[in-house]
Protein backbone atom coordinates (compact mmCIF):
# COMPACT_ATOMS: atom_id res chain seq x y z
CA UNK A 1 -14.17 27.37 13.87
CA UNK A 2 -13.57 30.57 11.93
CA UNK A 3 -12.32 29.73 8.45
CA UNK A 4 -8.65 30.38 7.93
CA UNK A 5 -7.24 32.45 5.08
CA UNK A 6 -6.34 29.36 3.05
CA UNK A 7 -9.81 27.84 3.55
CA UNK A 8 -11.22 31.10 2.19
CA UNK A 9 -8.96 30.88 -0.89
CA UNK A 10 -9.97 27.24 -1.40
CA UNK A 11 -13.67 28.10 -1.16
CA UNK A 12 -13.31 31.15 -3.42
CA UNK A 13 -14.24 33.69 -0.71
CA UNK A 14 -10.80 35.26 -1.19
CA UNK A 15 -9.26 35.49 -4.64
CA UNK A 16 -5.92 33.81 -5.12
CA UNK A 17 -3.61 33.41 -8.10
CA UNK A 18 -4.51 29.73 -8.55
CA UNK A 19 -1.87 27.80 -10.48
CA UNK A 20 -3.20 24.29 -9.95
CA UNK A 21 -6.29 22.67 -8.46
CA UNK A 22 -7.68 19.17 -8.18
CA UNK A 23 -9.94 17.32 -5.74
CA UNK A 24 -7.24 17.19 -3.01
CA UNK A 25 -5.10 20.32 -3.29
CA UNK A 26 -4.87 23.90 -4.46
CA UNK A 27 -1.62 25.63 -5.43
CA UNK A 28 -1.35 29.39 -5.66
CA UNK A 29 1.26 32.14 -5.76
CA UNK A 30 2.40 33.48 -2.39
CA UNK A 31 1.33 37.11 -1.86
CA UNK A 32 4.70 37.86 -0.23
CA UNK A 33 7.16 35.97 -2.43
CA UNK A 34 10.59 35.16 -1.05
CA UNK A 35 11.95 34.00 -4.42
CA UNK A 36 11.13 34.60 -8.09
CA UNK A 37 8.95 31.48 -7.88
CA UNK A 38 7.07 31.08 -4.59
CA UNK A 39 4.07 28.78 -4.73
CA UNK A 40 2.01 27.45 -1.83
CA UNK A 41 0.58 23.95 -2.16
CA UNK A 42 -2.32 23.47 0.24
CA UNK A 43 -4.57 20.49 0.94
CA UNK A 44 -8.28 21.25 0.58
CA UNK A 45 -8.83 19.41 3.84
CA UNK A 46 -8.14 21.72 6.77
CA UNK A 47 -5.19 20.26 8.68
CA UNK A 48 -3.69 22.85 11.05
CA UNK A 49 -0.06 21.65 11.24
CA UNK A 50 2.13 18.72 10.20
CA UNK A 51 1.61 17.44 13.76
CA UNK A 52 -2.09 17.02 12.93
CA UNK A 53 -1.50 14.78 9.90
CA UNK A 54 -3.02 11.37 10.58
CA UNK A 55 -2.37 8.05 8.86
CA UNK A 56 -5.56 8.58 6.81
CA UNK A 57 -4.05 11.85 5.47
CA UNK A 58 -0.85 10.32 4.09
CA UNK A 59 -2.31 10.08 0.58
CA UNK A 60 -2.78 13.87 0.63
CA UNK A 61 0.83 14.48 1.71
CA UNK A 62 2.25 12.17 -0.97
CA UNK A 63 -0.04 13.79 -3.53
CA UNK A 64 1.30 17.21 -2.55
CA UNK A 65 4.83 16.08 -3.36
CA UNK A 66 3.73 14.92 -6.81
CA UNK A 67 2.16 18.35 -7.38
CA UNK A 68 5.39 20.03 -6.19
CA UNK A 69 7.24 18.08 -8.87
CA UNK A 70 4.67 19.00 -11.54
CA UNK A 71 4.77 22.72 -10.72
CA UNK A 72 8.59 22.71 -10.48
CA UNK A 73 8.71 21.23 -13.97
CA UNK A 74 6.10 23.70 -15.29
CA UNK A 75 7.99 26.66 -13.80
CA UNK A 76 11.34 25.52 -15.24
CA UNK A 77 12.91 24.78 -11.85
CA UNK A 78 13.74 21.11 -12.37
CA UNK A 79 17.11 21.57 -14.05
CA UNK A 80 18.69 23.96 -11.52
CA UNK A 81 16.79 22.98 -8.38
CA UNK A 82 14.37 24.39 -5.86
CA UNK A 83 13.47 24.26 -2.19
CA UNK A 84 10.36 22.88 -0.47
CA UNK A 85 9.63 24.28 3.00
CA UNK A 86 7.10 23.20 5.60
CA UNK A 87 6.87 25.36 8.73
CA UNK A 88 5.32 24.10 11.97
CA UNK A 89 3.91 26.37 14.67
CA UNK A 90 5.17 29.77 15.77
CA UNK A 91 8.84 28.96 16.38
CA UNK A 92 8.94 27.13 13.06
CA UNK A 93 7.64 30.21 11.24
CA UNK A 94 4.09 29.01 10.53
CA UNK A 95 1.89 32.08 10.00
CA UNK A 96 -1.30 30.38 8.73
CA UNK A 97 -2.46 27.34 10.65
CA UNK A 98 -3.45 25.30 7.60
CA UNK A 99 -0.87 22.79 6.39
CA UNK A 100 0.98 24.25 3.41
CA UNK A 101 4.17 23.58 1.51
CA UNK A 102 6.26 26.41 0.06
CA UNK A 103 7.87 25.75 -3.32
CA UNK A 104 10.70 28.27 -3.79
CA UNK A 105 12.95 28.63 -6.80
CA UNK A 106 14.36 30.81 -9.53
CA UNK A 107 17.40 31.86 -7.49
CA UNK A 108 20.15 30.22 -5.48
CA UNK A 109 18.95 29.18 -2.02
CA UNK A 110 21.44 29.90 0.76
CA UNK A 111 22.17 27.65 3.72
CA UNK A 112 21.60 27.71 6.57
CA UNK A 113 18.03 28.75 5.99
CA UNK A 114 16.46 31.38 8.26
């Protein structure tokens, strides 16, 4: 398998604006932000889509949500709110096939989305 863009950021082969890292996840600024705050939270384990998450991966997914909360607090988004987006496959808008959560905030989010 050729490493994906996010695997290259995780391994340090591509530089990213890393905002948080631990043994399970990396969070970095999106290079094409759709809001004043646009952070991607990515598991270090390569999981292509949400459809590929197995029972053994549930600890990673729950950990990601705790990191979303931590970053939202750090970025001052907790009081007014924010959006978390997970895209799946082409029709869902997934551009990189490595599970990732978008944390968007710093402006009012409109509905319906996309």
